Each structure stands twice: as structure tokens, then as C-alpha cells.
PDB file of N, CA and C in Angstrom:
ATOM      1  N   MET A   1     -23.577  70.212 -49.492  1.00  0.00           N
ATOM      2  CA  MET A   1     -22.474  70.226 -48.549  1.00  0.00           C
ATOM      3  C   MET A   1     -22.973  70.759 -47.212  1.00  0.00           C
ATOM      4  N   SER A   2     -22.736  70.011 -46.157  1.00  0.00           N
ATOM      5  CA  SER A   2     -23.019  70.490 -44.810  1.00  0.00           C
ATOM      6  C   SER A   2     -21.944  71.481 -44.413  1.00  0.00           C
ATOM      7  N   GLN A   3     -22.332  72.483 -43.666  1.00  0.00           N
ATOM      8  CA  GLN A   3     -21.386  73.494 -43.218  1.00  0.00           C
ATOM      9  C   GLN A   3     -21.267  73.464 -41.702  1.00  0.00           C
ATOM     10  N   PRO A   4     -20.049  73.552 -41.181  1.00  0.00           N
ATOM     11  CA  PRO A   4     -19.895  73.681 -39.733  1.00  0.00           C
ATOM     12  C   PRO A   4     -20.385  75.065 -39.308  1.00  0.00           C
ATOM     13  N   PRO A   5     -20.730  75.225 -38.042  1.00  0.00           N
ATOM     14  CA  PRO A   5     -21.138  76.550 -37.581  1.00  0.00           C
ATOM     15  C   PRO A   5     -20.036  77.580 -37.831  1.00  0.00           C
ATOM     16  N   VAL A   6     -20.428  78.774 -38.275  1.00  0.00           N
ATOM     17  CA  VAL A   6     -19.468  79.843 -38.507  1.00  0.00           C
ATOM     18  C   VAL A   6     -18.726  80.122 -37.204  1.00  0.00           C
ATOM     19  N   GLY A   7     -17.435  80.262 -37.319  1.00  0.00           N
ATOM     20  CA  GLY A   7     -16.605  80.543 -36.155  1.00  0.00           C
ATOM     21  C   GLY A   7     -16.104  79.314 -35.425  1.00  0.00           C
ATOM     22  N   THR A   8     -16.417  78.119 -35.933  1.00  0.00           N
ATOM     23  CA  THR A   8     -15.911  76.888 -35.324  1.00  0.00           C
ATOM     24  C   THR A   8     -14.393  76.960 -35.255  1.00  0.00           C
ATOM     25  N   ARG A   9     -13.842  76.711 -34.076  1.00  0.00           N
ATOM     26  CA  ARG A   9     -12.397  76.781 -33.860  1.00  0.00           C
ATOM     27  C   ARG A   9     -11.797  75.389 -33.990  1.00  0.00           C
ATOM     28  N   VAL A  10     -10.785  75.279 -34.854  1.00  0.00           N
ATOM     29  CA  VAL A  10     -10.195  73.977 -35.187  1.00  0.00           C
ATOM     30  C   VAL A  10      -8.718  73.958 -34.804  1.00  0.00           C
ATOM     31  N   LEU A  11      -8.336  72.927 -34.070  1.00  0.00           N
ATOM     32  CA  LEU A  11      -6.933  72.641 -33.793  1.00  0.00           C
ATOM     33  C   LEU A  11      -6.447  71.717 -34.907  1.00  0.00           C
ATOM     34  N   ILE A  12      -5.464  72.161 -35.671  1.00  0.00           N
ATOM     35  CA  ILE A  12      -4.912  71.359 -36.762  1.00  0.00           C
ATOM     36  C   ILE A  12      -3.640  70.676 -36.261  1.00  0.00           C
ATOM     37  N   VAL A  13      -3.598  69.357 -36.364  1.00  0.00           N
ATOM     38  CA  VAL A  13      -2.402  68.585 -36.008  1.00  0.00           C
ATOM     39  C   VAL A  13      -1.911  67.941 -37.300  1.00  0.00           C
ATOM     40  N   GLU A  14      -0.864  68.529 -37.864  1.00  0.00           N
ATOM     41  CA  GLU A  14      -0.371  68.128 -39.188  1.00  0.00           C
ATOM     42  C   GLU A  14       1.104  68.474 -39.289  1.00  0.00           C
ATOM     43  N   ASP A  15       1.926  67.504 -39.681  1.00  0.00           N
ATOM     44  CA  ASP A  15       3.362  67.741 -39.763  1.00  0.00           C
ATOM     45  C   ASP A  15       3.836  68.237 -41.121  1.00  0.00           C
ATOM     46  N   ASP A  16       2.978  68.226 -42.119  1.00  0.00           N
ATOM     47  CA  ASP A  16       3.330  68.728 -43.442  1.00  0.00           C
ATOM     48  C   ASP A  16       2.826  70.169 -43.556  1.00  0.00           C
ATOM     49  N   THR A  17       3.749  71.116 -43.688  1.00  0.00           N
ATOM     50  CA  THR A  17       3.405  72.541 -43.694  1.00  0.00           C
ATOM     51  C   THR A  17       2.418  72.894 -44.802  1.00  0.00           C
ATOM     52  N   ILE A  18       2.623  72.357 -45.988  1.00  0.00           N
ATOM     53  CA  ILE A  18       1.736  72.660 -47.114  1.00  0.00           C
ATOM     54  C   ILE A  18       0.322  72.164 -46.830  1.00  0.00           C
ATOM     55  N   ILE A  19       0.202  70.945 -46.317  1.00  0.00           N
ATOM     56  CA  ILE A  19      -1.122  70.398 -46.013  1.00  0.00           C
ATOM     57  C   ILE A  19      -1.779  71.205 -44.889  1.00  0.00           C
ATOM     58  N   ALA A  20      -1.006  71.592 -43.878  1.00  0.00           N
ATOM     59  CA  ALA A  20      -1.556  72.402 -42.781  1.00  0.00           C
ATOM     60  C   ALA A  20      -2.056  73.744 -43.294  1.00  0.00           C
ATOM     61  N   MET A  21      -1.286  74.384 -44.162  1.00  0.00           N
ATOM     62  CA  MET A  21      -1.697  75.675 -44.713  1.00  0.00           C
ATOM     63  C   MET A  21      -2.922  75.532 -45.608  1.00  0.00           C
ATOM     64  N   THR A  22      -2.982  74.450 -46.375  1.00  0.00           N
ATOM     65  CA  THR A  22      -4.140  74.200 -47.229  1.00  0.00           C
ATOM     66  C   THR A  22      -5.380  73.962 -46.381  1.00  0.00           C
ATOM     67  N   ALA A  23      -5.238  73.168 -45.327  1.00  0.00           N
ATOM     68  CA  ALA A  23      -6.370  72.921 -44.421  1.00  0.00           C
ATOM     69  C   ALA A  23      -6.835  74.228 -43.791  1.00  0.00           C
ATOM     70  N   GLU A  24      -5.880  75.050 -43.385  1.00  0.00           N
ATOM     71  CA  GLU A  24      -6.221  76.343 -42.782  1.00  0.00           C
ATOM     72  C   GLU A  24      -7.009  77.204 -43.771  1.00  0.00           C
ATOM     73  N   ASP A  25      -6.584  77.242 -45.028  1.00  0.00           N
ATOM     74  CA  ASP A  25      -7.304  78.005 -46.057  1.00  0.00           C
ATOM     75  C   ASP A  25      -8.710  77.451 -46.268  1.00  0.00           C
ATOM     76  N   MET A  26      -8.830  76.130 -46.328  1.00  0.00           N
ATOM     77  CA  MET A  26     -10.144  75.507 -46.513  1.00  0.00           C
ATOM     78  C   MET A  26     -11.074  75.829 -45.344  1.00  0.00           C
ATOM     79  N   LEU A  27     -10.534  75.731 -44.142  1.00  0.00           N
ATOM     80  CA  LEU A  27     -11.336  76.024 -42.959  1.00  0.00           C
ATOM     81  C   LEU A  27     -11.808  77.471 -42.975  1.00  0.00           C
ATOM     82  N   ASP A  28     -10.923  78.370 -43.350  1.00  0.00           N
ATOM     83  CA  ASP A  28     -11.280  79.783 -43.442  1.00  0.00           C
ATOM     84  C   ASP A  28     -12.408  79.985 -44.457  1.00  0.00           C
ATOM     85  N   GLU A  29     -12.308  79.306 -45.596  1.00  0.00           N
ATOM     86  CA  GLU A  29     -13.330  79.418 -46.643  1.00  0.00           C
ATOM     87  C   GLU A  29     -14.700  78.942 -46.178  1.00  0.00           C
ATOM     88  N   CYS A  30     -14.730  77.964 -45.282  1.00  0.00           N
ATOM     89  CA  CYS A  30     -16.038  77.467 -44.824  1.00  0.00           C
ATOM     90  C   CYS A  30     -16.459  78.081 -43.490  1.00  0.00           C
ATOM     91  N   GLY A  31     -15.815  79.204 -43.111  1.00  0.00           N
ATOM     92  CA  GLY A  31     -16.259  79.954 -41.951  1.00  0.00           C
ATOM     93  C   GLY A  31     -15.668  79.544 -40.617  1.00  0.00           C
ATOM     94  N   CYS A  32     -14.697  78.633 -40.647  1.00  0.00           N
ATOM     95  CA  CYS A  32     -14.049  78.196 -39.405  1.00  0.00           C
ATOM     96  C   CYS A  32     -12.830  79.054 -39.118  1.00  0.00           C
ATOM     97  N   LYS A  33     -12.319  78.922 -37.921  1.00  0.00           N
ATOM     98  CA  LYS A  33     -11.102  79.622 -37.503  1.00  0.00           C
ATOM     99  C   LYS A  33     -10.074  78.571 -37.076  1.00  0.00           C
ATOM    100  N   THR A  34      -8.826  78.780 -37.450  1.00  0.00           N
ATOM    101  CA  THR A  34      -7.765  77.901 -36.973  1.00  0.00           C
ATOM    102  C   THR A  34      -7.365  78.373 -35.578  1.00  0.00           C
ATOM    103  N   ALA A  35      -7.558  77.508 -34.595  1.00  0.00           N
ATOM    104  CA  ALA A  35      -7.222  77.851 -33.211  1.00  0.00           C
ATOM    105  C   ALA A  35      -5.716  77.752 -32.988  1.00  0.00           C
ATOM    106  N   ALA A  36      -5.087  76.742 -33.578  1.00  0.00           N
ATOM    107  CA  ALA A  36      -3.644  76.517 -33.464  1.00  0.00           C
ATOM    108  C   ALA A  36      -3.260  75.408 -34.433  1.00  0.00           C
ATOM    109  N   ILE A  37      -1.968  75.338 -34.718  1.00  0.00           N
ATOM    110  CA  ILE A  37      -1.424  74.255 -35.535  1.00  0.00           C
ATOM    111  C   ILE A  37      -0.316  73.601 -34.727  1.00  0.00           C
ATOM    112  N   ALA A  38      -0.333  72.270 -34.679  1.00  0.00           N
ATOM    113  CA  ALA A  38       0.697  71.497 -33.993  1.00  0.00           C
ATOM    114  C   ALA A  38       1.294  70.515 -34.990  1.00  0.00           C
ATOM    115  N   VAL A  39       2.600  70.250 -34.846  1.00  0.00           N
ATOM    116  CA  VAL A  39       3.280  69.372 -35.802  1.00  0.00           C
ATOM    117  C   VAL A  39       3.754  68.057 -35.197  1.00  0.00           C
ATOM    118  N   SER A  40       3.547  67.876 -33.895  1.00  0.00           N
ATOM    119  CA  SER A  40       3.980  66.649 -33.229  1.00  0.00           C
ATOM    120  C   SER A  40       2.975  66.286 -32.143  1.00  0.00           C
ATOM    121  N   VAL A  41       3.099  65.077 -31.616  1.00  0.00           N
ATOM    122  CA  VAL A  41       2.222  64.641 -30.530  1.00  0.00           C
ATOM    123  C   VAL A  41       2.412  65.538 -29.313  1.00  0.00           C
ATOM    124  N   ALA A  42       3.666  65.805 -28.941  1.00  0.00           N
ATOM    125  CA  ALA A  42       3.932  66.641 -27.763  1.00  0.00           C
ATOM    126  C   ALA A  42       3.325  68.032 -27.927  1.00  0.00           C
ATOM    127  N   GLU A  43       3.520  68.617 -29.100  1.00  0.00           N
ATOM    128  CA  GLU A  43       2.968  69.954 -29.333  1.00  0.00           C
ATOM    129  C   GLU A  43       1.444  69.914 -29.361  1.00  0.00           C
ATOM    130  N   ALA A  44       0.868  68.880 -29.940  1.00  0.00           N
ATOM    131  CA  ALA A  44      -0.592  68.756 -29.980  1.00  0.00           C
ATOM    132  C   ALA A  44      -1.173  68.632 -28.578  1.00  0.00           C
ATOM    133  N   LEU A  45      -0.532  67.856 -27.726  1.00  0.00           N
ATOM    134  CA  LEU A  45      -1.007  67.721 -26.348  1.00  0.00           C
ATOM    135  C   LEU A  45      -0.909  69.052 -25.610  1.00  0.00           C
ATOM    136  N   ALA A  46       0.159  69.793 -25.853  1.00  0.00           N
ATOM    137  CA  ALA A  46       0.302  71.110 -25.228  1.00  0.00           C
ATOM    138  C   ALA A  46      -0.757  72.076 -25.748  1.00  0.00           C
ATOM    139  N   ARG A  47      -0.966  72.099 -27.051  1.00  0.00           N
ATOM    140  CA  ARG A  47      -1.983  72.973 -27.639  1.00  0.00           C
ATOM    141  C   ARG A  47      -3.387  72.585 -27.156  1.00  0.00           C
ATOM    142  N   ALA A  48      -3.627  71.305 -27.016  1.00  0.00           N
ATOM    143  CA  ALA A  48      -4.945  70.857 -26.532  1.00  0.00           C
ATOM    144  C   ALA A  48      -5.200  71.370 -25.124  1.00  0.00           C
ATOM    145  N   ALA A  49      -4.130  71.524 -24.349  1.00  0.00           N
ATOM    146  CA  ALA A  49      -4.263  71.988 -22.962  1.00  0.00           C
ATOM    147  C   ALA A  49      -4.403  73.500 -22.868  1.00  0.00           C
ATOM    148  N   ASP A  50      -3.782  74.245 -23.796  1.00  0.00           N
ATOM    149  CA  ASP A  50      -3.771  75.703 -23.635  1.00  0.00           C
ATOM    150  C   ASP A  50      -4.495  76.479 -24.730  1.00  0.00           C
ATOM    151  N   THR A  51      -5.259  75.785 -25.575  1.00  0.00           N
ATOM    152  CA  THR A  51      -5.958  76.434 -26.682  1.00  0.00           C
ATOM    153  C   THR A  51      -7.448  76.144 -26.575  1.00  0.00           C
ATOM    154  N   ASP A  52      -8.252  77.153 -26.851  1.00  0.00           N
ATOM    155  CA  ASP A  52      -9.698  76.980 -26.869  1.00  0.00           C
ATOM    156  C   ASP A  52     -10.102  76.563 -28.285  1.00  0.00           C
ATOM    157  N   PHE A  53     -10.639  75.371 -28.428  1.00  0.00           N
ATOM    158  CA  PHE A  53     -11.038  74.883 -29.749  1.00  0.00           C
ATOM    159  C   PHE A  53     -12.280  74.003 -29.619  1.00  0.00           C
ATOM    160  N   ASP A  54     -12.984  73.852 -30.751  1.00  0.00           N
ATOM    161  CA  ASP A  54     -14.212  73.061 -30.781  1.00  0.00           C
ATOM    162  C   ASP A  54     -13.986  71.647 -31.291  1.00  0.00           C
ATOM    163  N   ILE A  55     -13.013  71.505 -32.175  1.00  0.00           N
ATOM    164  CA  ILE A  55     -12.745  70.217 -32.818  1.00  0.00           C
ATOM    165  C   ILE A  55     -11.285  70.205 -33.280  1.00  0.00           C
ATOM    166  N   ALA A  56     -10.707  69.022 -33.359  1.00  0.00           N
ATOM    167  CA  ALA A  56      -9.329  68.881 -33.844  1.00  0.00           C
ATOM    168  C   ALA A  56      -9.324  68.064 -35.135  1.00  0.00           C
ATOM    169  N   LEU A  57      -8.455  68.443 -36.031  1.00  0.00           N
ATOM    170  CA  LEU A  57      -8.202  67.703 -37.261  1.00  0.00           C
ATOM    171  C   LEU A  57      -6.837  67.068 -37.088  1.00  0.00           C
ATOM    172  N   LEU A  58      -6.799  65.733 -36.934  1.00  0.00           N
ATOM    173  CA  LEU A  58      -5.578  65.009 -36.589  1.00  0.00           C
ATOM    174  C   LEU A  58      -5.030  64.213 -37.757  1.00  0.00           C
ATOM    175  N   ASP A  59      -3.879  64.611 -38.250  1.00  0.00           N
ATOM    176  CA  ASP A  59      -3.155  63.769 -39.204  1.00  0.00           C
ATOM    177  C   ASP A  59      -2.791  62.495 -38.445  1.00  0.00           C
ATOM    178  N   LEU A  60      -3.126  61.348 -38.989  1.00  0.00           N
ATOM    179  CA  LEU A  60      -2.860  60.094 -38.288  1.00  0.00           C
ATOM    180  C   LEU A  60      -1.365  59.859 -38.090  1.00  0.00           C
ATOM    181  N   ASN A  61      -0.577  60.106 -39.132  1.00  0.00           N
ATOM    182  CA  ASN A  61       0.860  59.841 -39.055  1.00  0.00           C
ATOM    183  C   ASN A  61       1.647  61.142 -39.038  1.00  0.00           C
ATOM    184  N   LEU A  62       2.377  61.341 -37.956  1.00  0.00           N
ATOM    185  CA  LEU A  62       3.200  62.533 -37.763  1.00  0.00           C
ATOM    186  C   LEU A  62       4.659  62.101 -37.734  1.00  0.00           C
ATOM    187  N   LYS A  63       5.305  62.188 -38.877  1.00  0.00           N
ATOM    188  CA  LYS A  63       6.695  61.736 -39.027  1.00  0.00           C
ATOM    189  C   LYS A  63       6.861  60.322 -38.466  1.00  0.00           C
ATOM    190  N   ASP A  64       7.561  60.151 -37.353  1.00  0.00           N
ATOM    191  CA  ASP A  64       7.811  58.802 -36.836  1.00  0.00           C
ATOM    192  C   ASP A  64       6.888  58.427 -35.683  1.00  0.00           C
ATOM    193  N   GLU A  65       5.762  59.103 -35.547  1.00  0.00           N
ATOM    194  CA  GLU A  65       4.789  58.781 -34.497  1.00  0.00           C
ATOM    195  C   GLU A  65       3.382  58.920 -35.077  1.00  0.00           C
ATOM    196  N   ASN A  66       2.403  58.441 -34.341  1.00  0.00           N
ATOM    197  CA  ASN A  66       1.036  58.641 -34.798  1.00  0.00           C
ATOM    198  C   ASN A  66       0.277  59.463 -33.757  1.00  0.00           C
ATOM    199  N   SER A  67      -0.868  59.956 -34.160  1.00  0.00           N
ATOM    200  CA  SER A  67      -1.627  60.871 -33.300  1.00  0.00           C
ATOM    201  C   SER A  67      -2.633  60.161 -32.394  1.00  0.00           C
ATOM    202  N   LEU A  68      -2.552  58.845 -32.277  1.00  0.00           N
ATOM    203  CA  LEU A  68      -3.492  58.122 -31.420  1.00  0.00           C
ATOM    204  C   LEU A  68      -3.452  58.589 -29.964  1.00  0.00           C
ATOM    205  N   PRO A  69      -2.267  58.909 -29.385  1.00  0.00           N
ATOM    206  CA  PRO A  69      -2.270  59.425 -28.012  1.00  0.00           C
ATOM    207  C   PRO A  69      -3.013  60.764 -27.883  1.00  0.00           C
ATOM    208  N   VAL A  70      -2.936  61.575 -28.919  1.00  0.00           N
ATOM    209  CA  VAL A  70      -3.669  62.843 -28.912  1.00  0.00           C
ATOM    210  C   VAL A  70      -5.161  62.570 -28.959  1.00  0.00           C
ATOM    211  N   ALA A  71      -5.559  61.649 -29.825  1.00  0.00           N
ATOM    212  CA  ALA A  71      -6.973  61.292 -29.928  1.00  0.00           C
ATOM    213  C   ALA A  71      -7.499  60.755 -28.596  1.00  0.00           C
ATOM    214  N   GLN A  72      -6.718  59.923 -27.934  1.00  0.00           N
ATOM    215  CA  GLN A  72      -7.143  59.375 -26.646  1.00  0.00           C
ATOM    216  C   GLN A  72      -7.301  60.492 -25.617  1.00  0.00           C
ATOM    217  N   HIS A  73      -6.349  61.413 -25.601  1.00  0.00           N
ATOM    218  CA  HIS A  73      -6.423  62.559 -24.687  1.00  0.00           C
ATOM    219  C   HIS A  73      -7.695  63.371 -24.964  1.00  0.00           C
ATOM    220  N   LEU A  74      -7.960  63.636 -26.237  1.00  0.00           N
ATOM    221  CA  LEU A  74      -9.152  64.414 -26.595  1.00  0.00           C
ATOM    222  C   LEU A  74     -10.425  63.673 -26.229  1.00  0.00           C
ATOM    223  N   ARG A  75     -10.451  62.377 -26.510  1.00  0.00           N
ATOM    224  CA  ARG A  75     -11.626  61.568 -26.153  1.00  0.00           C
ATOM    225  C   ARG A  75     -11.860  61.628 -24.643  1.00  0.00           C
ATOM    226  N   ASP A  76     -10.806  61.454 -23.867  1.00  0.00           N
ATOM    227  CA  ASP A  76     -10.921  61.491 -22.402  1.00  0.00           C
ATOM    228  C   ASP A  76     -11.407  62.852 -21.909  1.00  0.00           C
ATOM    229  N   ALA A  77     -11.047  63.920 -22.649  1.00  0.00           N
ATOM    230  CA  ALA A  77     -11.440  65.281 -22.272  1.00  0.00           C
ATOM    231  C   ALA A  77     -12.808  65.672 -22.833  1.00  0.00           C
ATOM    232  N   GLY A  78     -13.420  64.752 -23.595  1.00  0.00           N
ATOM    233  CA  GLY A  78     -14.724  65.049 -24.173  1.00  0.00           C
ATOM    234  C   GLY A  78     -14.675  65.979 -25.377  1.00  0.00           C
ATOM    235  N   LYS A  79     -13.505  66.074 -26.017  1.00  0.00           N
ATOM    236  CA  LYS A  79     -13.340  66.928 -27.196  1.00  0.00           C
ATOM    237  C   LYS A  79     -13.546  66.107 -28.465  1.00  0.00           C
ATOM    238  N   ARG A  80     -14.058  66.752 -29.472  1.00  0.00           N
ATOM    239  CA  ARG A  80     -14.304  66.073 -30.748  1.00  0.00           C
ATOM    240  C   ARG A  80     -13.092  66.205 -31.664  1.00  0.00           C
ATOM    241  N   PHE A  81     -12.943  65.213 -32.532  1.00  0.00           N
ATOM    242  CA  PHE A  81     -11.809  65.203 -33.453  1.00  0.00           C
ATOM    243  C   PHE A  81     -12.150  64.389 -34.683  1.00  0.00           C
ATOM    244  N   VAL A  82     -11.376  64.638 -35.740  1.00  0.00           N
ATOM    245  CA  VAL A  82     -11.474  63.921 -37.004  1.00  0.00           C
ATOM    246  C   VAL A  82     -10.061  63.513 -37.381  1.00  0.00           C
ATOM    247  N   PHE A  83      -9.876  62.260 -37.758  1.00  0.00           N
ATOM    248  CA  PHE A  83      -8.586  61.816 -38.274  1.00  0.00           C
ATOM    249  C   PHE A  83      -8.507  62.142 -39.759  1.00  0.00           C
ATOM    250  N   ALA A  84      -7.319  62.529 -40.224  1.00  0.00           N
ATOM    251  CA  ALA A  84      -7.032  62.705 -41.641  1.00  0.00           C
ATOM    252  C   ALA A  84      -5.886  61.766 -41.977  1.00  0.00           C
ATOM    253  N   THR A  85      -6.050  60.991 -43.032  1.00  0.00           N
ATOM    254  CA  THR A  85      -5.005  60.036 -43.376  1.00  0.00           C
ATOM    255  C   THR A  85      -4.958  59.786 -44.879  1.00  0.00           C
ATOM    256  N   GLY A  86      -3.757  59.549 -45.360  1.00  0.00           N
ATOM    257  CA  GLY A  86      -3.564  59.178 -46.749  1.00  0.00           C
ATOM    258  C   GLY A  86      -3.546  57.668 -46.930  1.00  0.00           C
ATOM    259  N   TYR A  87      -3.760  56.946 -45.843  1.00  0.00           N
ATOM    260  CA  TYR A  87      -3.764  55.479 -45.885  1.00  0.00           C
ATOM    261  C   TYR A  87      -5.192  54.966 -45.896  1.00  0.00           C
ATOM    262  N   ASP A  88      -5.365  53.660 -45.886  1.00  0.00           N
ATOM    263  CA  ASP A  88      -6.692  53.059 -45.914  1.00  0.00           C
ATOM    264  C   ASP A  88      -7.312  53.019 -44.526  1.00  0.00           C
ATOM    265  N   GLY A  89      -7.609  54.159 -43.977  1.00  0.00           N
ATOM    266  CA  GLY A  89      -8.264  54.223 -42.683  1.00  0.00           C
ATOM    267  C   GLY A  89      -7.305  54.029 -41.527  1.00  0.00           C
ATOM    268  N   LEU A  90      -7.891  53.726 -40.385  1.00  0.00           N
ATOM    269  CA  LEU A  90      -7.129  53.555 -39.151  1.00  0.00           C
ATOM    270  C   LEU A  90      -6.701  52.112 -38.972  1.00  0.00           C
ATOM    271  N   PRO A  91      -5.630  51.887 -38.217  1.00  0.00           N
ATOM    272  CA  PRO A  91      -5.255  50.502 -37.909  1.00  0.00           C
ATOM    273  C   PRO A  91      -6.414  49.828 -37.165  1.00  0.00           C
ATOM    274  N   PRO A  92      -6.713  48.572 -37.482  1.00  0.00           N
ATOM    275  CA  PRO A  92      -7.865  47.905 -36.869  1.00  0.00           C
ATOM    276  C   PRO A  92      -7.784  47.820 -35.347  1.00  0.00           C
ATOM    277  N   ASP A  93      -6.586  47.810 -34.801  1.00  0.00           N
ATOM    278  CA  ASP A  93      -6.428  47.685 -33.357  1.00  0.00           C
ATOM    279  C   ASP A  93      -6.236  49.042 -32.675  1.00  0.00           C
ATOM    280  N   SER A  94      -6.581  50.128 -33.352  1.00  0.00           N
ATOM    281  CA  SER A  94      -6.329  51.469 -32.817  1.00  0.00           C
ATOM    282  C   SER A  94      -7.242  51.835 -31.649  1.00  0.00           C
ATOM    283  N   GLY A  95      -8.410  51.192 -31.564  1.00  0.00           N
ATOM    284  CA  GLY A  95      -9.375  51.561 -30.537  1.00  0.00           C
ATOM    285  C   GLY A  95     -10.248  52.727 -30.955  1.00  0.00           C
ATOM    286  N   PHE A  96     -10.142  53.150 -32.211  1.00  0.00           N
ATOM    287  CA  PHE A  96     -10.905  54.293 -32.699  1.00  0.00           C
ATOM    288  C   PHE A  96     -11.727  53.945 -33.938  1.00  0.00           C
ATOM    289  N   ALA A  97     -12.237  52.723 -33.991  1.00  0.00           N
ATOM    290  CA  ALA A  97     -13.004  52.278 -35.149  1.00  0.00           C
ATOM    291  C   ALA A  97     -14.225  53.161 -35.405  1.00  0.00           C
ATOM    292  N   ASP A  98     -14.737  53.799 -34.354  1.00  0.00           N
ATOM    293  CA  ASP A  98     -15.927  54.634 -34.491  1.00  0.00           C
ATOM    294  C   ASP A  98     -15.601  56.102 -34.779  1.00  0.00           C
ATOM    295  N   ALA A  99     -14.321  56.442 -34.843  1.00  0.00           N
ATOM    296  CA  ALA A  99     -13.925  57.837 -35.040  1.00  0.00           C
ATOM    297  C   ALA A  99     -14.102  58.256 -36.496  1.00  0.00           C
ATOM    298  N   PRO A 100     -14.472  59.518 -36.714  1.00  0.00           N
ATOM    299  CA  PRO A 100     -14.577  60.000 -38.092  1.00  0.00           C
ATOM    300  C   PRO A 100     -13.205  60.102 -38.745  1.00  0.00           C
ATOM    301  N   VAL A 101     -13.148  59.751 -40.032  1.00  0.00           N
ATOM    302  CA  VAL A 101     -11.897  59.762 -40.791  1.00  0.00           C
ATOM    303  C   VAL A 101     -12.159  60.433 -42.132  1.00  0.00           C
ATOM    304  N   ILE A 102     -11.241  61.305 -42.516  1.00  0.00           N
ATOM    305  CA  ILE A 102     -11.285  61.899 -43.844  1.00  0.00           C
ATOM    306  C   ILE A 102     -10.009  61.469 -44.567  1.00  0.00           C
ATOM    307  N   SER A 103     -10.165  61.070 -45.818  1.00  0.00           N
ATOM    308  CA  SER A 103      -9.020  60.593 -46.599  1.00  0.00           C
ATOM    309  C   SER A 103      -8.341  61.742 -47.319  1.00  0.00           C
ATOM    310  N   LYS A 104      -7.012  61.716 -47.273  1.00  0.00           N
ATOM    311  CA  LYS A 104      -6.218  62.696 -48.016  1.00  0.00           C
ATOM    312  C   LYS A 104      -5.988  62.184 -49.425  1.00  0.00           C
ATOM    313  N   PRO A 105      -5.934  63.027 -50.391  1.00  0.00           N
ATOM    314  CA  PRO A 105      -6.222  64.452 -50.307  1.00  0.00           C
ATOM    315  C   PRO A 105      -7.735  64.677 -50.239  1.00  0.00           C
ATOM    316  N   TYR A 106      -8.154  65.618 -49.430  1.00  0.00           N
ATOM    317  CA  TYR A 106      -9.578  65.910 -49.300  1.00  0.00           C
ATOM    318  C   TYR A 106      -9.892  67.269 -49.922  1.00  0.00           C
ATOM    319  N   ARG A 107     -11.165  67.444 -50.242  1.00  0.00           N
ATOM    320  CA  ARG A 107     -11.638  68.702 -50.799  1.00  0.00           C
ATOM    321  C   ARG A 107     -12.358  69.479 -49.704  1.00  0.00           C
ATOM    322  N   ILE A 108     -12.544  70.748 -49.934  1.00  0.00           N
ATOM    323  CA  ILE A 108     -13.182  71.608 -48.942  1.00  0.00           C
ATOM    324  C   ILE A 108     -14.573  71.099 -48.563  1.00  0.00           C
ATOM    325  N   GLU A 109     -15.315  70.590 -49.554  1.00  0.00           N
ATOM    326  CA  GLU A 109     -16.664  70.088 -49.274  1.00  0.00           C
ATOM    327  C   GLU A 109     -16.615  68.910 -48.306  1.00  0.00           C
ATOM    328  N   GLN A 110     -15.639  68.022 -48.508  1.00  0.00           N
ATOM    329  CA  GLN A 110     -15.494  66.865 -47.628  1.00  0.00           C
ATOM    330  C   GLN A 110     -15.101  67.302 -46.215  1.00  0.00           C
ATOM    331  N   LEU A 111     -14.180  68.248 -46.116  1.00  0.00           N
ATOM    332  CA  LEU A 111     -13.737  68.728 -44.815  1.00  0.00           C
ATOM    333  C   LEU A 111     -14.880  69.405 -44.073  1.00  0.00           C
ATOM    334  N   ALA A 112     -15.595  70.289 -44.746  1.00  0.00           N
ATOM    335  CA  ALA A 112     -16.720  70.989 -44.114  1.00  0.00           C
ATOM    336  C   ALA A 112     -17.775  69.990 -43.637  1.00  0.00           C
ATOM    337  N   THR A 113     -18.072  69.001 -44.460  1.00  0.00           N
ATOM    338  CA  THR A 113     -19.105  68.014 -44.120  1.00  0.00           C
ATOM    339  C   THR A 113     -18.703  67.179 -42.923  1.00  0.00           C
ATOM    340  N   VAL A 114     -17.468  66.670 -42.894  1.00  0.00           N
ATOM    341  CA  VAL A 114     -17.060  65.809 -41.785  1.00  0.00           C
ATOM    342  C   VAL A 114     -16.997  66.608 -40.480  1.00  0.00           C
ATOM    343  N   ILE A 115     -16.592  67.858 -40.542  1.00  0.00           N
ATOM    344  CA  ILE A 115     -16.574  68.682 -39.332  1.00  0.00           C
ATOM    345  C   ILE A 115     -17.987  68.949 -38.853  1.00  0.00           C
ATOM    346  N   ALA A 116     -18.869  69.323 -39.774  1.00  0.00           N
ATOM    347  CA  ALA A 116     -20.270  69.595 -39.399  1.00  0.00           C
ATOM    348  C   ALA A 116     -20.926  68.357 -38.804  1.00  0.00           C
ATOM    349  N   GLN A 117     -20.729  67.195 -39.430  1.00  0.00           N
ATOM    350  CA  GLN A 117     -21.324  65.958 -38.929  1.00  0.00           C
ATOM    351  C   GLN A 117     -20.760  65.571 -37.576  1.00  0.00           C
ATOM    352  N   THR A 118     -19.460  65.714 -37.394  1.00  0.00           N
ATOM    353  CA  THR A 118     -18.834  65.347 -36.122  1.00  0.00           C
ATOM    354  C   THR A 118     -19.313  66.256 -34.998  1.00  0.00           C
ATOM    355  N   LEU A 119     -19.468  67.531 -35.284  1.00  0.00           N
ATOM    356  CA  LEU A 119     -19.950  68.463 -34.265  1.00  0.00           C
ATOM    357  C   LEU A 119     -21.417  68.225 -33.911  1.00  0.00           C
ATOM    358  N   SER A 120     -22.183  67.693 -34.872  1.00  0.00           N
ATOM    359  CA  SER A 120     -23.612  67.484 -34.612  1.00  0.00           C
ATOM    360  C   SER A 120     -23.906  66.142 -33.942  1.00  0.00           C
ATOM    361  N   ASP A 121     -22.942  65.229 -33.927  1.00  0.00           N
ATOM    362  CA  ASP A 121     -23.148  63.911 -33.293  1.00  0.00           C
ATOM    363  C   ASP A 121     -23.145  64.018 -31.787  1.00  0.00           C
TER     364      ASP A 121
END
């Protein structure tokens, strides 16, 4: 298992409280810190502007919206991110075919590896 650098700050964008808390616990176990948690696109964009973080973990589907606008904002700002989804990847026309994706439900080893790989790219 690849490990992200200790102290890596992660912005979690997830609308399911249980999944967000589980991700936070997993990140803590692998030496990362949760910088903030956002539950909507608007909140994620605000957190991206006022929070110091190294990488974002973006749930693709947030209730009745998706996190693609957040991903575009992060890409434009030069920030790294990973999509998390319970579906079969990203929509083909999303414009993010090259973005890292982790499938839900994920294990701590998978989360640590995708974060470490994304940060090293």
C-alpha cells in the first residue's frame, strides 16, 4: 500500500454523513488530516476558497447535483483531486477522463494509494 505524506490535508466533499465520517477516520489512520468537509457544490467551492488543503476527495453525486463544477474549479486552480463514486466511473462527456477515481465502497488501502499516487503525479 502506498501512503500519502503524513499530514496531507484533505478537503472531503461528500453529502452522506456516514461516508464522510468513515473517510475522515480512514484518512486519520493513514496519517492525513481532514481540512474541511463540504456537503454541496456551493459549500465545496467556498471551502476550496477559504481552506488550506493538498487534495480533495470529491463524491461525484451530491444529492441533486454533481461535483464536476468543483473539479473544474480545482483543476483551474492547480489543485489535485480524486473522484469517489458508487457508479461505473465518470460520465464519458464529463471532461475528466484522466482524473483519478476511487469506487465506493473503498477500503483504507485503496484510499491511501489513490491519494499518494495523485499527489505524486
